[in-house]
Amino acid sequence: MPAIDKETAFADLIKEYENQWVAIDERNGVEFVVGHGKDAVEAARDAESKGFPNAMLFMVPSFRSTFVPLVTPSSFTPVSLTDPIAD
């Protein structure tokens, strides 16, 4: 058994990016943060400037709260990333 599981490694990878967007790239089964920013556009631009135009974008949530998504086919409504987000 590996000394560290994949979920723990991922949590360690993103812990310094709380409440930020990160751009993640995977090579040979290992994930790397290749960009970050206050929004998805900034994180994508940071990754692209480092040579990673196809990085996956991910919002790192606050570690002080719990989020449990409940998505079912009947309740899922796609939202445009260009739509304003209500506070």
Protein backbone atom coordinates (compact mmCIF):
# COMPACT_ATOMS: atom_id res chain seq x y z
CA MET A 1 0.00 0.00 0.00
CA PRO A 2 1.35 3.46 -0.88
CA ALA A 3 2.48 5.66 1.97
CA ILE A 4 -0.01 8.32 0.88
CA ASP A 5 -3.27 7.81 -1.00
CA LYS A 6 -4.26 9.86 -4.04
CA GLU A 7 -6.94 11.87 -2.19
CA THR A 8 -4.52 12.88 0.58
CA ALA A 9 -1.89 13.84 -1.99
CA PHE A 10 -4.45 16.01 -3.82
CA ALA A 11 -5.54 17.68 -0.57
CA ASP A 12 -1.91 18.45 0.25
CA LEU A 13 -1.41 19.81 -3.28
CA ILE A 14 -4.24 22.35 -3.07
CA LYS A 15 -4.16 23.36 0.60
CA GLU A 16 -2.25 26.59 -0.04
CA TYR A 17 -4.83 27.70 -2.63
CA GLU A 18 -7.92 27.98 -0.41
CA ASN A 19 -10.63 30.18 -1.98
CA GLN A 20 -8.70 30.41 -5.27
CA TRP A 21 -8.99 28.83 -8.68
CA VAL A 22 -6.25 26.42 -9.68
CA ALA A 23 -5.22 24.97 -13.02
CA ILE A 24 -4.18 21.33 -12.73
CA ASP A 25 -2.25 19.17 -15.16
CA GLU A 26 -1.64 15.44 -14.86
CA ARG A 27 1.48 13.64 -16.04
CA ASN A 28 1.98 9.91 -15.53
CA GLY A 29 -0.79 9.77 -12.93
CA VAL A 30 0.62 12.65 -10.86
CA GLU A 31 -1.28 15.94 -10.60
CA PHE A 32 0.45 19.32 -10.52
CA VAL A 33 -0.83 22.85 -9.95
CA VAL A 34 0.33 24.72 -13.04
CA GLY A 35 -1.50 27.99 -12.42
CA HIS A 36 -3.76 29.76 -9.96
CA GLY A 37 -5.70 32.97 -9.55
CA LYS A 38 -8.66 34.77 -8.00
CA ASP A 39 -10.92 33.57 -10.84
CA ALA A 40 -10.93 30.88 -13.52
CA VAL A 41 -9.74 33.27 -16.24
CA GLU A 42 -6.70 34.31 -14.20
CA ALA A 43 -5.84 30.69 -13.37
CA ALA A 44 -6.19 29.64 -17.04
CA ARG A 45 -4.00 32.52 -18.21
CA ASP A 46 -1.37 31.67 -15.60
CA ALA A 47 -1.31 28.04 -16.77
CA GLU A 48 -1.22 29.03 -20.45
CA SER A 49 1.72 31.37 -19.82
CA LYS A 50 3.61 28.38 -18.40
CA GLY A 51 2.83 26.16 -21.40
CA PHE A 52 -0.28 24.37 -20.14
CA PRO A 53 -3.16 25.53 -22.36
CA ASN A 54 -5.37 22.51 -21.58
CA ALA A 55 -5.13 22.41 -17.80
CA MET A 56 -8.21 21.46 -15.78
CA LEU A 57 -9.67 24.33 -13.75
CA PHE A 58 -10.88 23.78 -10.21
CA MET A 59 -12.17 26.14 -7.50
CA VAL A 60 -10.60 25.30 -4.16
CA PRO A 61 -13.34 25.86 -1.56
CA SER A 62 -12.93 27.20 1.93
CA PHE A 63 -11.69 24.51 4.28
CA ARG A 64 -13.86 25.96 7.03
CA SER A 65 -17.11 24.75 5.47
CA THR A 66 -18.62 21.57 4.11
CA PHE A 67 -20.01 21.20 0.62
CA VAL A 68 -21.99 18.16 -0.45
CA PRO A 69 -23.26 18.48 -4.00
CA LEU A 70 -26.59 16.90 -4.81
CA VAL A 71 -26.97 16.59 -8.54
CA THR A 72 -29.52 14.34 -10.13
CA PRO A 73 -30.42 14.26 -13.80
CA SER A 74 -33.77 15.91 -13.09
CA SER A 75 -32.32 18.68 -10.87
CA PHE A 76 -29.22 19.55 -12.89
CA THR A 77 -29.44 22.81 -14.80
CA PRO A 78 -26.33 23.86 -16.74
CA VAL A 79 -25.18 27.40 -15.96
CA SER A 80 -23.14 29.56 -18.26
CA LEU A 81 -19.79 30.65 -16.84
CA THR A 82 -20.50 34.11 -18.23
CA ASP A 83 -23.70 34.55 -16.18
CA PRO A 84 -23.29 36.80 -13.12
CA ILE A 85 -23.27 34.94 -9.83
CA ALA A 86 -25.70 36.18 -7.18
CA ASP A 87 -24.30 36.76 -3.70
